[in-house]
């Protein structure tokens, strides 16, 4: 029996308001709490988060998570 592997999706978003590594870590932890998210890489320098998930993510969920953590959601990259 063969199982089809789910396609991974990478979504990049712009995040405003991060000023230090603690901020980046907080954004990463918040995004990792979203169902289906497998990996998050946050770039403080570029003010972005790259999110690897098991499939497409709802943009509203990303926006809500980032804003509830106290940062600005600046849209998809």
Protein backbone atom coordinates (compact mmCIF):
# COMPACT_ATOMS: atom_id res chain seq x y z
CA UNK A 1 0.00 0.00 0.00
CA UNK A 2 1.33 3.44 -0.93
CA UNK A 3 0.55 6.69 0.77
CA UNK A 4 0.77 9.95 -1.08
CA UNK A 5 2.95 12.44 0.78
CA UNK A 6 1.24 15.74 1.45
CA UNK A 7 2.64 18.64 -0.49
CA UNK A 8 4.57 21.09 1.62
CA UNK A 9 3.79 24.74 1.06
CA UNK A 10 6.11 27.64 1.87
CA UNK A 11 4.47 30.98 2.60
CA UNK A 12 6.44 34.17 3.19
CA UNK A 13 4.96 37.10 5.06
CA UNK A 14 6.19 40.56 5.99
CA UNK A 15 6.12 41.38 9.70
CA UNK A 16 6.44 44.85 11.20
CA UNK A 17 7.48 45.81 14.70
CA UNK A 18 10.23 43.26 15.32
CA UNK A 19 13.25 45.00 16.82
CA UNK A 20 15.30 42.21 18.44
CA UNK A 21 15.92 38.46 18.50
CA UNK A 22 13.34 38.06 21.26
CA UNK A 23 10.71 39.58 18.94
CA UNK A 24 11.70 37.22 16.13
CA UNK A 25 11.53 34.26 18.51
CA UNK A 26 8.08 35.32 19.72
CA UNK A 27 6.78 35.56 16.13
CA UNK A 28 8.28 32.14 15.34
CA UNK A 29 6.64 30.49 18.37
CA UNK A 30 3.30 32.12 17.56
CA UNK A 31 3.34 30.93 13.94
CA UNK A 32 4.41 27.41 14.97
CA UNK A 33 1.22 27.18 17.04
CA UNK A 34 -0.94 27.32 13.89
CA UNK A 35 -2.27 23.91 12.89
CA UNK A 36 -0.36 22.44 9.95
CA UNK A 37 2.74 24.61 10.37
CA UNK A 38 5.89 22.47 10.42
CA UNK A 39 8.72 25.01 10.36
CA UNK A 40 9.18 28.77 10.64
CA UNK A 41 12.24 30.84 9.74
CA UNK A 42 12.15 34.48 10.82
CA UNK A 43 14.52 37.08 9.40
CA UNK A 44 14.82 40.08 11.68
CA UNK A 45 16.92 41.92 9.09
CA UNK A 46 14.38 41.44 6.29
CA UNK A 47 11.33 41.65 8.60
CA UNK A 48 9.91 38.43 7.14
CA UNK A 49 8.75 35.01 8.23
CA UNK A 50 8.97 31.98 5.96
CA UNK A 51 6.42 29.36 7.00
CA UNK A 52 6.56 25.72 5.87
CA UNK A 53 3.26 23.91 6.24
CA UNK A 54 1.45 20.72 5.24
CA UNK A 55 -0.61 22.66 2.71
CA UNK A 56 -1.87 26.14 1.93
CA UNK A 57 -2.49 28.36 4.95
CA UNK A 58 -5.34 30.78 5.41
CA UNK A 59 -3.93 34.31 5.19
CA UNK A 60 -6.40 35.53 7.83
CA UNK A 61 -5.02 32.97 10.31
CA UNK A 62 -1.48 34.23 9.72
CA UNK A 63 -2.59 37.85 10.14
CA UNK A 64 -4.52 37.08 13.34
CA UNK A 65 -1.61 35.16 14.86
CA UNK A 66 0.95 37.87 14.11
CA UNK A 67 -1.29 40.69 15.33
CA UNK A 68 -2.31 38.80 18.49
CA UNK A 69 1.40 38.46 19.28
CA UNK A 70 1.67 42.26 19.14
CA UNK A 71 3.28 42.73 15.72
CA UNK A 72 2.13 44.14 12.38
CA UNK A 73 1.05 41.87 9.55
CA UNK A 74 2.27 43.63 6.41
CA UNK A 75 1.04 41.11 3.84
CA UNK A 76 2.43 38.25 1.83
CA UNK A 77 5.92 38.64 0.49
